[in-house]
N, C-alpha and C. Protein backbone atom coordinates (compact mmCIF):
# COMPACT_ATOMS: atom_id res chain seq x y z
N MET A 1 22.64 39.12 -23.36
CA MET A 1 21.76 37.93 -23.33
C MET A 1 20.54 38.18 -24.20
N ASN A 2 20.19 37.21 -25.01
CA ASN A 2 19.02 37.32 -25.88
C ASN A 2 17.75 37.36 -25.04
N PRO A 3 16.96 38.44 -25.11
CA PRO A 3 15.76 38.52 -24.27
C PRO A 3 14.72 37.49 -24.63
N ALA A 4 14.84 36.86 -25.81
CA ALA A 4 13.87 35.85 -26.20
C ALA A 4 14.14 34.51 -25.55
N VAL A 5 15.29 34.41 -24.88
CA VAL A 5 15.64 33.15 -24.22
C VAL A 5 15.40 33.30 -22.73
N GLY A 6 14.59 32.44 -22.18
CA GLY A 6 14.31 32.49 -20.75
C GLY A 6 14.82 31.24 -20.07
N LEU A 7 15.36 31.41 -18.87
CA LEU A 7 15.86 30.26 -18.12
C LEU A 7 15.30 30.32 -16.72
N LEU A 8 14.69 29.26 -16.30
CA LEU A 8 14.16 29.18 -14.95
C LEU A 8 14.59 27.85 -14.37
N MET A 9 15.31 27.90 -13.27
CA MET A 9 15.89 26.70 -12.72
C MET A 9 15.41 26.49 -11.30
N VAL A 10 15.07 25.27 -10.99
CA VAL A 10 14.68 24.90 -9.65
C VAL A 10 15.55 23.74 -9.21
N LEU A 11 16.18 23.84 -8.07
CA LEU A 11 16.99 22.77 -7.52
C LEU A 11 16.17 22.05 -6.47
N LEU A 12 15.99 20.76 -6.65
CA LEU A 12 15.21 19.96 -5.74
C LEU A 12 16.13 18.99 -5.02
N ARG A 13 16.08 18.98 -3.71
CA ARG A 13 16.91 18.09 -2.94
C ARG A 13 16.25 16.72 -2.83
N VAL A 14 17.01 15.69 -3.10
CA VAL A 14 16.54 14.33 -2.96
C VAL A 14 17.31 13.67 -1.84
N SER A 15 16.60 13.21 -0.85
CA SER A 15 17.24 12.60 0.30
C SER A 15 17.89 11.29 -0.07
N HIS A 16 19.10 11.06 0.47
CA HIS A 16 19.77 9.80 0.26
C HIS A 16 19.18 8.72 1.15
N ALA A 17 18.16 9.07 1.95
CA ALA A 17 17.51 8.09 2.81
C ALA A 17 16.29 7.47 2.14
N VAL A 18 16.21 7.59 0.81
CA VAL A 18 15.09 7.01 0.08
C VAL A 18 15.07 5.50 0.30
N GLU A 19 13.91 4.97 0.68
CA GLU A 19 13.77 3.53 0.88
C GLU A 19 12.73 2.98 -0.08
N THR A 20 13.08 1.92 -0.78
CA THR A 20 12.17 1.26 -1.69
C THR A 20 11.90 -0.16 -1.20
N TYR A 21 10.79 -0.72 -1.67
CA TYR A 21 10.40 -2.08 -1.29
C TYR A 21 10.18 -2.90 -2.56
N CYS A 22 10.54 -4.17 -2.50
CA CYS A 22 10.31 -5.05 -3.64
C CYS A 22 9.93 -6.43 -3.13
N ASP A 23 8.89 -6.99 -3.74
CA ASP A 23 8.46 -8.34 -3.41
C ASP A 23 9.24 -9.32 -4.28
N GLY A 24 10.21 -9.98 -3.67
CA GLY A 24 11.05 -10.92 -4.41
C GLY A 24 10.60 -12.35 -4.28
N ARG A 25 9.37 -12.57 -3.84
CA ARG A 25 8.88 -13.94 -3.66
C ARG A 25 8.43 -14.58 -4.97
N GLN A 26 8.30 -13.77 -6.01
CA GLN A 26 7.99 -14.29 -7.34
C GLN A 26 9.27 -14.43 -8.15
N ASP A 27 9.46 -15.57 -8.79
CA ASP A 27 10.66 -15.80 -9.57
C ASP A 27 10.77 -14.77 -10.70
N GLY A 28 11.96 -14.19 -10.84
CA GLY A 28 12.21 -13.22 -11.89
C GLY A 28 11.80 -11.81 -11.55
N ALA A 29 11.59 -11.51 -10.28
CA ALA A 29 11.17 -10.16 -9.86
C ALA A 29 12.23 -9.12 -10.26
N GLN A 30 11.76 -7.95 -10.70
CA GLN A 30 12.63 -6.83 -11.04
C GLN A 30 12.53 -5.80 -9.93
N CYS A 31 13.64 -5.51 -9.26
CA CYS A 31 13.65 -4.63 -8.10
C CYS A 31 14.55 -3.43 -8.36
N TYR A 32 14.21 -2.30 -7.71
CA TYR A 32 14.97 -1.06 -7.89
C TYR A 32 15.30 -0.46 -6.52
N GLY A 33 16.50 0.11 -6.43
CA GLY A 33 16.92 0.80 -5.22
C GLY A 33 17.54 2.13 -5.57
N ALA A 34 17.49 3.08 -4.62
CA ALA A 34 18.06 4.41 -4.84
C ALA A 34 19.51 4.44 -4.40
N LEU A 35 20.37 5.02 -5.22
CA LEU A 35 21.77 5.16 -4.89
C LEU A 35 21.93 5.89 -3.56
N GLY A 36 22.61 5.27 -2.60
CA GLY A 36 22.78 5.86 -1.29
C GLY A 36 21.63 5.61 -0.34
N GLY A 37 20.56 4.98 -0.84
CA GLY A 37 19.37 4.73 -0.02
C GLY A 37 19.29 3.30 0.48
N THR A 38 18.07 2.86 0.76
CA THR A 38 17.81 1.53 1.32
C THR A 38 16.80 0.80 0.46
N VAL A 39 17.00 -0.49 0.28
CA VAL A 39 16.02 -1.32 -0.40
C VAL A 39 15.63 -2.46 0.54
N ALA A 40 14.33 -2.73 0.63
CA ALA A 40 13.81 -3.83 1.43
C ALA A 40 13.31 -4.91 0.47
N LEU A 41 13.98 -6.04 0.47
CA LEU A 41 13.65 -7.14 -0.42
C LEU A 41 12.97 -8.25 0.39
N GLN A 42 11.73 -8.54 0.07
CA GLN A 42 11.05 -9.64 0.75
C GLN A 42 11.36 -10.92 -0.01
N LEU A 43 12.16 -11.79 0.61
CA LEU A 43 12.64 -13.00 -0.04
C LEU A 43 11.73 -14.19 0.20
N MET A 44 11.02 -14.19 1.33
CA MET A 44 10.16 -15.32 1.71
C MET A 44 9.10 -14.83 2.67
N ASN A 45 8.13 -15.66 2.99
CA ASN A 45 7.10 -15.28 3.95
C ASN A 45 7.62 -15.31 5.38
N ASN A 46 8.23 -16.42 5.74
CA ASN A 46 8.73 -16.61 7.10
C ASN A 46 9.86 -17.62 7.05
N ALA A 47 11.03 -17.23 7.55
CA ALA A 47 12.19 -18.11 7.46
C ALA A 47 12.00 -19.40 8.24
N SER A 48 11.15 -19.39 9.27
CA SER A 48 10.94 -20.59 10.08
C SER A 48 10.23 -21.69 9.29
N GLU A 49 9.61 -21.32 8.16
CA GLU A 49 8.91 -22.30 7.33
C GLU A 49 9.85 -23.01 6.36
N ILE A 50 11.11 -22.56 6.28
CA ILE A 50 12.08 -23.13 5.34
C ILE A 50 13.19 -23.81 6.13
N PRO A 51 13.40 -25.12 5.93
CA PRO A 51 14.42 -25.84 6.69
C PRO A 51 15.82 -25.25 6.52
N ARG A 52 16.23 -25.01 5.28
CA ARG A 52 17.54 -24.43 5.01
C ARG A 52 17.44 -23.55 3.75
N TYR A 53 18.26 -22.52 3.71
CA TYR A 53 18.25 -21.64 2.54
C TYR A 53 19.58 -20.93 2.38
N ASN A 54 19.91 -20.61 1.14
CA ASN A 54 21.04 -19.75 0.78
C ASN A 54 20.53 -18.66 -0.14
N TRP A 55 21.05 -17.46 0.04
CA TRP A 55 20.74 -16.36 -0.88
C TRP A 55 22.06 -15.81 -1.39
N ARG A 56 22.25 -15.87 -2.68
CA ARG A 56 23.55 -15.51 -3.24
C ARG A 56 23.43 -14.50 -4.36
N LYS A 57 24.53 -13.78 -4.61
CA LYS A 57 24.63 -12.86 -5.74
C LYS A 57 25.44 -13.55 -6.83
N GLU A 58 24.85 -13.60 -8.02
CA GLU A 58 25.53 -14.28 -9.12
C GLU A 58 26.66 -13.43 -9.68
N ALA A 59 27.69 -14.10 -10.18
CA ALA A 59 28.81 -13.39 -10.82
C ALA A 59 28.32 -12.73 -12.10
N SER A 60 28.69 -11.46 -12.29
CA SER A 60 28.26 -10.74 -13.49
C SER A 60 29.33 -10.71 -14.56
N MET A 61 30.58 -11.01 -14.18
CA MET A 61 31.68 -11.03 -15.14
C MET A 61 32.49 -12.30 -14.93
N ALA A 62 33.31 -12.63 -15.94
CA ALA A 62 34.06 -13.88 -15.90
C ALA A 62 35.06 -13.93 -14.76
N ASN A 63 35.59 -12.78 -14.38
CA ASN A 63 36.61 -12.75 -13.31
C ASN A 63 36.00 -12.63 -11.92
N GLU A 64 34.66 -12.68 -11.82
CA GLU A 64 34.00 -12.62 -10.52
C GLU A 64 33.54 -14.01 -10.11
N SER A 65 33.28 -14.16 -8.82
CA SER A 65 32.77 -15.42 -8.31
C SER A 65 31.43 -15.19 -7.62
N THR A 66 30.61 -16.23 -7.58
CA THR A 66 29.33 -16.15 -6.90
C THR A 66 29.55 -15.95 -5.40
N GLN A 67 28.77 -15.05 -4.81
CA GLN A 67 28.92 -14.72 -3.39
C GLN A 67 27.66 -15.11 -2.63
N ILE A 68 27.81 -16.01 -1.64
CA ILE A 68 26.68 -16.35 -0.78
C ILE A 68 26.55 -15.28 0.29
N ILE A 69 25.44 -14.56 0.26
CA ILE A 69 25.23 -13.44 1.20
C ILE A 69 24.56 -13.93 2.47
N LEU A 70 23.47 -14.68 2.33
CA LEU A 70 22.74 -15.19 3.49
C LEU A 70 22.78 -16.71 3.50
N ARG A 71 22.94 -17.26 4.70
CA ARG A 71 22.83 -18.69 4.89
C ARG A 71 22.04 -18.90 6.18
N GLY A 72 20.95 -19.67 6.09
CA GLY A 72 20.11 -19.83 7.27
C GLY A 72 19.51 -21.21 7.39
N LYS A 73 19.06 -21.48 8.60
CA LYS A 73 18.41 -22.75 8.90
C LYS A 73 17.21 -22.45 9.77
N GLU A 74 16.01 -22.65 9.17
CA GLU A 74 14.76 -22.34 9.84
C GLU A 74 14.78 -20.88 10.33
N ASN A 75 14.58 -20.65 11.60
CA ASN A 75 14.48 -19.27 12.08
C ASN A 75 15.82 -18.71 12.55
N LYS A 76 16.91 -19.42 12.26
CA LYS A 76 18.23 -19.01 12.71
C LYS A 76 19.08 -18.60 11.53
N LEU A 77 19.60 -17.37 11.58
CA LEU A 77 20.49 -16.89 10.53
C LEU A 77 21.91 -17.32 10.86
N GLN A 78 22.52 -18.09 9.98
CA GLN A 78 23.85 -18.62 10.24
C GLN A 78 24.96 -17.67 9.79
N SER A 79 24.75 -16.94 8.70
CA SER A 79 25.77 -16.00 8.23
C SER A 79 25.14 -14.93 7.36
N ASN A 80 25.74 -13.74 7.39
CA ASN A 80 25.34 -12.61 6.56
C ASN A 80 26.61 -11.85 6.22
N THR A 81 27.08 -11.99 5.01
CA THR A 81 28.35 -11.36 4.61
C THR A 81 28.23 -9.85 4.42
N MET A 82 27.00 -9.31 4.47
CA MET A 82 26.79 -7.86 4.35
C MET A 82 26.29 -7.28 5.66
N SER A 83 26.63 -7.90 6.77
CA SER A 83 26.08 -7.51 8.07
C SER A 83 26.44 -6.08 8.47
N ASN A 84 27.49 -5.50 7.86
CA ASN A 84 27.91 -4.13 8.21
C ASN A 84 26.93 -3.07 7.72
N ARG A 85 26.08 -3.42 6.73
CA ARG A 85 25.12 -2.43 6.22
C ARG A 85 23.81 -3.08 5.80
N SER A 86 23.46 -4.16 6.44
CA SER A 86 22.20 -4.82 6.11
C SER A 86 21.64 -5.52 7.33
N VAL A 87 20.36 -5.89 7.24
CA VAL A 87 19.71 -6.64 8.31
C VAL A 87 18.69 -7.59 7.68
N PHE A 88 18.63 -8.82 8.21
CA PHE A 88 17.65 -9.79 7.76
C PHE A 88 16.66 -10.04 8.88
N ILE A 89 15.36 -9.97 8.54
CA ILE A 89 14.29 -10.16 9.52
C ILE A 89 13.63 -11.51 9.24
N PRO A 90 13.99 -12.56 9.97
CA PRO A 90 13.47 -13.90 9.68
C PRO A 90 11.94 -13.98 9.77
N GLY A 91 11.33 -13.23 10.67
CA GLY A 91 9.89 -13.32 10.88
C GLY A 91 9.06 -13.01 9.66
N ASN A 92 9.53 -12.07 8.80
CA ASN A 92 8.78 -11.75 7.57
C ASN A 92 9.62 -11.96 6.32
N GLY A 93 10.82 -12.53 6.50
CA GLY A 93 11.65 -12.87 5.35
C GLY A 93 12.17 -11.69 4.57
N THR A 94 12.34 -10.53 5.21
CA THR A 94 12.76 -9.31 4.52
C THR A 94 14.24 -9.02 4.78
N PHE A 95 14.95 -8.72 3.71
CA PHE A 95 16.38 -8.37 3.78
C PHE A 95 16.53 -6.92 3.37
N LYS A 96 17.06 -6.10 4.28
CA LYS A 96 17.25 -4.67 4.01
C LYS A 96 18.73 -4.39 3.79
N ILE A 97 19.01 -3.70 2.68
CA ILE A 97 20.38 -3.27 2.38
C ILE A 97 20.41 -1.75 2.44
N ASN A 98 21.33 -1.20 3.24
CA ASN A 98 21.48 0.24 3.40
C ASN A 98 22.65 0.76 2.57
N ASN A 99 22.68 2.09 2.38
CA ASN A 99 23.79 2.76 1.70
C ASN A 99 24.11 2.07 0.38
N LEU A 100 23.10 1.93 -0.47
CA LEU A 100 23.25 1.21 -1.73
C LEU A 100 24.28 1.86 -2.65
N SER A 101 25.06 1.02 -3.31
CA SER A 101 26.01 1.47 -4.33
C SER A 101 25.69 0.77 -5.64
N ARG A 102 26.30 1.24 -6.71
CA ARG A 102 26.02 0.65 -8.02
C ARG A 102 26.49 -0.81 -8.09
N THR A 103 27.48 -1.16 -7.30
CA THR A 103 27.97 -2.54 -7.32
C THR A 103 26.97 -3.51 -6.68
N ASP A 104 25.94 -2.98 -6.01
CA ASP A 104 24.90 -3.85 -5.45
C ASP A 104 23.94 -4.34 -6.53
N SER A 105 23.96 -3.72 -7.68
CA SER A 105 23.10 -4.17 -8.78
C SER A 105 23.53 -5.57 -9.22
N GLY A 106 22.56 -6.36 -9.63
CA GLY A 106 22.90 -7.68 -10.14
C GLY A 106 21.77 -8.67 -9.96
N LYS A 107 22.08 -9.91 -10.30
CA LYS A 107 21.12 -11.00 -10.20
C LYS A 107 21.36 -11.79 -8.91
N PHE A 108 20.29 -12.07 -8.18
CA PHE A 108 20.38 -12.78 -6.91
C PHE A 108 19.50 -14.03 -6.97
N THR A 109 19.96 -15.10 -6.33
CA THR A 109 19.23 -16.37 -6.34
C THR A 109 19.02 -16.88 -4.92
N LEU A 110 17.79 -17.22 -4.61
CA LEU A 110 17.46 -17.86 -3.33
C LEU A 110 17.31 -19.36 -3.59
N GLU A 111 18.09 -20.18 -2.87
CA GLU A 111 18.02 -21.63 -2.96
C GLU A 111 17.40 -22.18 -1.68
N ILE A 112 16.46 -23.10 -1.84
CA ILE A 112 15.75 -23.68 -0.70
C ILE A 112 16.05 -25.18 -0.64
N PHE A 113 16.33 -25.66 0.59
CA PHE A 113 16.69 -27.06 0.80
C PHE A 113 15.79 -27.67 1.88
N ASP A 114 15.64 -28.99 1.80
CA ASP A 114 14.92 -29.66 2.88
C ASP A 114 15.86 -29.94 4.03
N SER A 115 15.36 -30.54 5.09
CA SER A 115 16.18 -30.78 6.30
C SER A 115 17.35 -31.70 6.03
N GLY A 116 17.27 -32.51 4.97
CA GLY A 116 18.36 -33.41 4.64
C GLY A 116 19.38 -32.80 3.70
N GLY A 117 19.18 -31.53 3.32
CA GLY A 117 20.13 -30.85 2.44
C GLY A 117 19.83 -30.97 0.96
N LYS A 118 18.68 -31.57 0.60
CA LYS A 118 18.31 -31.70 -0.80
C LYS A 118 17.63 -30.43 -1.28
N LYS A 119 18.07 -29.94 -2.43
CA LYS A 119 17.50 -28.72 -3.00
C LYS A 119 16.07 -28.97 -3.46
N THR A 120 15.16 -28.13 -2.99
CA THR A 120 13.74 -28.30 -3.32
C THR A 120 13.18 -27.16 -4.18
N GLY A 121 13.93 -26.10 -4.36
CA GLY A 121 13.44 -25.00 -5.18
C GLY A 121 14.40 -23.83 -5.21
N SER A 122 14.17 -22.91 -6.13
CA SER A 122 14.98 -21.69 -6.22
C SER A 122 14.19 -20.62 -6.96
N ARG A 123 14.55 -19.39 -6.73
CA ARG A 123 13.97 -18.27 -7.47
C ARG A 123 14.98 -17.14 -7.51
N THR A 124 14.86 -16.30 -8.52
CA THR A 124 15.82 -15.22 -8.74
C THR A 124 15.13 -13.87 -8.70
N LEU A 125 15.92 -12.83 -8.48
CA LEU A 125 15.46 -11.45 -8.62
C LEU A 125 16.61 -10.63 -9.19
N GLN A 126 16.26 -9.58 -9.88
CA GLN A 126 17.24 -8.66 -10.46
C GLN A 126 17.12 -7.33 -9.74
N LEU A 127 18.24 -6.85 -9.19
CA LEU A 127 18.26 -5.56 -8.49
C LEU A 127 19.03 -4.55 -9.32
N LEU A 128 18.41 -3.38 -9.53
CA LEU A 128 19.06 -2.28 -10.24
C LEU A 128 19.08 -1.06 -9.34
N VAL A 129 20.27 -0.55 -9.08
CA VAL A 129 20.43 0.65 -8.26
C VAL A 129 20.54 1.86 -9.17
N GLN A 130 19.66 2.83 -8.98
CA GLN A 130 19.63 4.04 -9.80
C GLN A 130 19.84 5.29 -8.96
N ALA A 131 20.42 6.32 -9.59
CA ALA A 131 20.52 7.62 -8.96
C ALA A 131 19.20 8.35 -9.15
N PRO A 132 18.58 8.88 -8.08
CA PRO A 132 17.32 9.62 -8.22
C PRO A 132 17.51 10.88 -9.05
N VAL A 133 16.46 11.30 -9.73
CA VAL A 133 16.48 12.58 -10.44
C VAL A 133 16.41 13.69 -9.39
N SER A 134 17.42 14.56 -9.36
CA SER A 134 17.53 15.49 -8.24
C SER A 134 17.24 16.94 -8.59
N SER A 135 17.29 17.32 -9.85
CA SER A 135 16.98 18.71 -10.20
C SER A 135 16.53 18.79 -11.66
N VAL A 136 15.67 19.76 -11.94
CA VAL A 136 15.12 19.94 -13.29
C VAL A 136 15.27 21.39 -13.70
N HIS A 137 15.66 21.61 -14.95
CA HIS A 137 15.75 22.95 -15.54
C HIS A 137 14.85 22.99 -16.76
N MET A 138 14.17 24.10 -16.96
CA MET A 138 13.42 24.31 -18.20
C MET A 138 13.98 25.53 -18.90
N ILE A 139 14.30 25.39 -20.19
CA ILE A 139 14.82 26.49 -21.00
C ILE A 139 13.88 26.68 -22.18
N SER A 140 13.36 27.89 -22.33
CA SER A 140 12.47 28.20 -23.45
C SER A 140 13.15 29.20 -24.37
N GLU A 141 12.95 29.01 -25.67
CA GLU A 141 13.60 29.86 -26.65
C GLU A 141 12.67 30.08 -27.84
N CYS A 142 12.53 31.32 -28.27
CA CYS A 142 11.73 31.63 -29.44
C CYS A 142 12.57 31.38 -30.69
N VAL A 143 12.22 30.38 -31.46
CA VAL A 143 12.99 30.08 -32.67
C VAL A 143 12.43 30.83 -33.87
N SER A 144 11.20 31.35 -33.76
CA SER A 144 10.60 32.21 -34.78
C SER A 144 9.44 32.94 -34.12
N GLN A 145 8.74 33.75 -34.91
CA GLN A 145 7.59 34.46 -34.36
C GLN A 145 6.43 33.52 -34.08
N GLU A 146 6.50 32.30 -34.58
CA GLU A 146 5.39 31.37 -34.42
C GLU A 146 5.73 30.15 -33.56
N LEU A 147 7.02 29.89 -33.34
CA LEU A 147 7.43 28.66 -32.68
C LEU A 147 8.24 28.91 -31.42
N ILE A 148 8.02 28.09 -30.41
CA ILE A 148 8.76 28.15 -29.15
C ILE A 148 9.39 26.78 -28.91
N LYS A 149 10.68 26.79 -28.66
CA LYS A 149 11.40 25.56 -28.34
C LYS A 149 11.61 25.50 -26.83
N VAL A 150 11.24 24.39 -26.23
CA VAL A 150 11.38 24.22 -24.78
C VAL A 150 12.19 22.96 -24.50
N SER A 151 13.21 23.13 -23.67
CA SER A 151 14.06 22.00 -23.27
C SER A 151 13.86 21.71 -21.79
N CYS A 152 13.79 20.43 -21.47
CA CYS A 152 13.68 20.00 -20.07
C CYS A 152 14.93 19.20 -19.75
N LEU A 153 15.73 19.70 -18.83
CA LEU A 153 17.02 19.10 -18.51
C LEU A 153 17.08 18.70 -17.04
N PHE A 154 17.89 17.71 -16.75
CA PHE A 154 18.11 17.31 -15.36
C PHE A 154 19.60 17.22 -15.11
N GLU A 155 20.00 17.37 -13.85
CA GLU A 155 21.42 17.36 -13.51
C GLU A 155 21.90 15.98 -13.09
N VAL A 156 21.11 15.29 -12.27
CA VAL A 156 21.51 13.98 -11.75
C VAL A 156 20.34 13.03 -11.89
N GLY A 157 20.61 11.79 -12.29
CA GLY A 157 19.55 10.79 -12.39
C GLY A 157 19.84 9.79 -13.49
N ASP A 158 19.41 8.55 -13.27
CA ASP A 158 19.62 7.48 -14.24
C ASP A 158 18.32 7.14 -14.98
N SER A 159 18.46 6.79 -16.26
CA SER A 159 17.34 6.30 -17.08
C SER A 159 16.11 7.19 -16.98
N PRO A 160 16.22 8.48 -17.32
CA PRO A 160 15.07 9.39 -17.17
C PRO A 160 14.00 9.15 -18.23
N GLN A 161 12.76 9.37 -17.85
CA GLN A 161 11.63 9.36 -18.76
C GLN A 161 10.90 10.70 -18.61
N TYR A 162 10.52 11.31 -19.74
CA TYR A 162 9.93 12.65 -19.73
C TYR A 162 8.45 12.60 -20.06
N ASN A 163 7.72 13.53 -19.46
CA ASN A 163 6.30 13.69 -19.79
C ASN A 163 5.97 15.18 -19.76
N TRP A 164 5.24 15.64 -20.78
CA TRP A 164 4.86 17.05 -20.90
C TRP A 164 3.35 17.20 -20.74
N ASN A 165 2.96 18.32 -20.14
CA ASN A 165 1.53 18.61 -19.99
C ASN A 165 1.34 20.13 -19.99
N LEU A 166 0.30 20.56 -20.68
CA LEU A 166 -0.02 21.99 -20.73
C LEU A 166 -1.32 22.21 -19.98
N THR A 167 -1.24 22.96 -18.88
CA THR A 167 -2.42 23.23 -18.07
C THR A 167 -2.92 24.65 -18.36
N GLY A 168 -4.15 24.91 -17.99
CA GLY A 168 -4.72 26.25 -18.20
C GLY A 168 -5.70 26.29 -19.34
N ASP A 169 -5.36 25.63 -20.45
CA ASP A 169 -6.29 25.55 -21.57
C ASP A 169 -6.85 24.14 -21.60
N LYS A 170 -8.02 23.94 -21.03
CA LYS A 170 -8.61 22.62 -20.89
C LYS A 170 -9.36 22.17 -22.15
N THR A 171 -9.46 23.06 -23.15
CA THR A 171 -10.28 22.74 -24.32
C THR A 171 -9.53 21.89 -25.35
N ARG A 172 -8.23 21.78 -25.25
CA ARG A 172 -7.47 21.01 -26.24
C ARG A 172 -6.22 20.44 -25.60
N ASP A 173 -5.66 19.46 -26.26
CA ASP A 173 -4.40 18.88 -25.81
C ASP A 173 -3.24 19.77 -26.24
N ILE A 174 -2.09 19.51 -25.67
CA ILE A 174 -0.89 20.27 -26.03
C ILE A 174 -0.54 20.00 -27.50
N GLU A 175 -0.25 21.05 -28.24
CA GLU A 175 0.09 20.92 -29.65
C GLU A 175 1.61 20.95 -29.79
N VAL A 176 2.19 19.77 -30.03
CA VAL A 176 3.63 19.64 -30.15
C VAL A 176 3.98 19.38 -31.60
N LEU A 177 4.83 20.23 -32.17
CA LEU A 177 5.23 20.09 -33.57
C LEU A 177 6.46 19.20 -33.71
N TYR A 178 7.25 19.10 -32.64
CA TYR A 178 8.49 18.33 -32.72
C TYR A 178 8.86 17.82 -31.34
N ARG A 179 9.37 16.59 -31.29
CA ARG A 179 9.95 16.01 -30.08
C ARG A 179 11.27 15.36 -30.48
N ASN A 180 12.29 15.50 -29.60
CA ASN A 180 13.49 14.74 -29.87
C ASN A 180 13.31 13.31 -29.39
N THR A 181 14.29 12.48 -29.65
CA THR A 181 14.15 11.05 -29.36
C THR A 181 13.85 10.79 -27.89
N GLU A 182 14.54 11.51 -26.99
CA GLU A 182 14.35 11.30 -25.56
C GLU A 182 13.12 12.01 -25.02
N ASN A 183 12.49 12.86 -25.85
CA ASN A 183 11.32 13.63 -25.44
C ASN A 183 11.69 14.74 -24.46
N SER A 184 12.98 15.13 -24.41
CA SER A 184 13.41 16.19 -23.51
C SER A 184 13.31 17.57 -24.15
N ILE A 185 13.08 17.62 -25.46
CA ILE A 185 12.95 18.89 -26.19
C ILE A 185 11.67 18.83 -27.02
N ILE A 186 10.86 19.88 -26.92
CA ILE A 186 9.65 19.97 -27.74
C ILE A 186 9.58 21.36 -28.37
N VAL A 187 8.83 21.45 -29.47
CA VAL A 187 8.59 22.73 -30.14
C VAL A 187 7.08 22.94 -30.19
N LEU A 188 6.62 24.11 -29.71
CA LEU A 188 5.20 24.44 -29.64
C LEU A 188 4.89 25.60 -30.57
N ARG A 189 3.63 25.70 -30.94
CA ARG A 189 3.17 26.90 -31.64
C ARG A 189 3.03 28.05 -30.66
N GLN A 190 3.16 29.26 -31.19
CA GLN A 190 3.06 30.46 -30.36
C GLN A 190 1.69 30.61 -29.72
N ASN A 191 0.65 30.01 -30.32
CA ASN A 191 -0.68 30.18 -29.76
C ASN A 191 -0.94 29.26 -28.57
N SER A 192 0.07 28.47 -28.18
CA SER A 192 -0.07 27.65 -26.98
C SER A 192 -0.15 28.57 -25.77
N SER A 193 -1.05 28.25 -24.86
CA SER A 193 -1.21 29.10 -23.68
C SER A 193 -1.38 28.24 -22.45
N GLY A 194 -1.02 28.81 -21.31
CA GLY A 194 -1.15 28.09 -20.05
C GLY A 194 0.20 27.82 -19.42
N ASN A 195 0.22 26.92 -18.47
CA ASN A 195 1.45 26.55 -17.78
C ASN A 195 1.95 25.22 -18.31
N LEU A 196 3.18 25.22 -18.77
CA LEU A 196 3.78 24.01 -19.31
C LEU A 196 4.50 23.27 -18.18
N VAL A 197 4.22 21.98 -18.03
CA VAL A 197 4.81 21.16 -16.98
C VAL A 197 5.64 20.06 -17.62
N CYS A 198 6.89 19.97 -17.19
CA CYS A 198 7.74 18.86 -17.60
C CYS A 198 8.01 17.99 -16.37
N SER A 199 7.72 16.69 -16.48
CA SER A 199 7.99 15.75 -15.39
C SER A 199 9.07 14.78 -15.84
N VAL A 200 10.04 14.57 -14.97
CA VAL A 200 11.12 13.63 -15.23
C VAL A 200 11.09 12.57 -14.14
N ARG A 201 11.09 11.31 -14.53
CA ARG A 201 11.00 10.24 -13.56
C ARG A 201 11.89 9.08 -13.95
N ASN A 202 12.23 8.28 -12.95
CA ASN A 202 12.76 6.94 -13.19
C ASN A 202 12.06 6.01 -12.20
N HIS A 203 12.58 4.84 -11.99
CA HIS A 203 11.85 3.87 -11.18
C HIS A 203 11.82 4.20 -9.70
N ILE A 204 12.65 5.13 -9.24
CA ILE A 204 12.69 5.40 -7.80
C ILE A 204 12.49 6.88 -7.45
N SER A 205 12.20 7.73 -8.43
CA SER A 205 11.98 9.14 -8.13
C SER A 205 11.23 9.82 -9.26
N GLN A 206 10.64 10.98 -8.93
CA GLN A 206 9.97 11.80 -9.94
C GLN A 206 10.00 13.25 -9.49
N VAL A 207 10.37 14.16 -10.39
CA VAL A 207 10.35 15.59 -10.12
C VAL A 207 9.72 16.28 -11.32
N SER A 208 9.21 17.48 -11.11
CA SER A 208 8.58 18.21 -12.21
C SER A 208 8.88 19.69 -12.09
N LYS A 209 8.72 20.39 -13.19
CA LYS A 209 8.93 21.83 -13.25
C LYS A 209 7.79 22.43 -14.07
N GLU A 210 7.25 23.54 -13.60
CA GLU A 210 6.15 24.23 -14.27
C GLU A 210 6.56 25.65 -14.62
N GLU A 211 6.22 26.06 -15.84
CA GLU A 211 6.56 27.41 -16.30
C GLU A 211 5.46 27.93 -17.21
N THR A 212 5.13 29.21 -17.07
CA THR A 212 4.10 29.84 -17.89
C THR A 212 4.64 30.13 -19.29
N ILE A 213 3.92 29.70 -20.30
CA ILE A 213 4.31 29.98 -21.69
C ILE A 213 4.04 31.44 -21.99
N SER A 214 5.07 32.15 -22.43
CA SER A 214 4.93 33.59 -22.72
C SER A 214 5.07 33.85 -24.21
N VAL A 215 4.55 34.97 -24.65
CA VAL A 215 4.56 35.33 -26.07
C VAL A 215 5.95 35.85 -26.45
N CYS A 216 6.46 35.39 -27.57
CA CYS A 216 7.76 35.85 -28.05
C CYS A 216 7.63 37.24 -28.69
N LYS A 217 8.65 38.03 -28.51
CA LYS A 217 8.66 39.38 -29.08
C LYS A 217 9.85 39.51 -30.02
């Protein structure tokens, strides 16, 4: 093994019981849920204030059909096609979905009707289910006597975003000579000192790894 290459790995456990909240009372809301976790979607203030309502999932492909998930009248829930893993709370208008899967992602529409059945309004929300970032690895390699290449890798997670920070030397910012497109690989000068921190995040999780920058020999 090349002594100039160092590998330090930390495995971080991410609970599948992650619960996220999203305010879906504004039309066009963008909501996120954790794969295997729970999402709480607030669809309205109070169901008793709405004479009739339907909440449906729109078809995402030509061979799919629109699915009405909730159907209610004032404070009474008439049907819930996801009752095996969800609960609707009429008092605060919140719909909780448990054990989220990728097929739960999609566009949802709430339709509101008056007591006579006439449609009076509608609003939509987009739900995206992501896998949390569960582990981070940092690999450092001396590419020359003056340059250090550092890679920040993750094992599980969707749509990662990377951020680098060098602590210890407060007098200057981190000097990065190169970044790849995803920002998961950087190249530093040998005179960089301190602890290098790589943070990886998406909309429902964030993990980080810290490693001391050492001199190449």
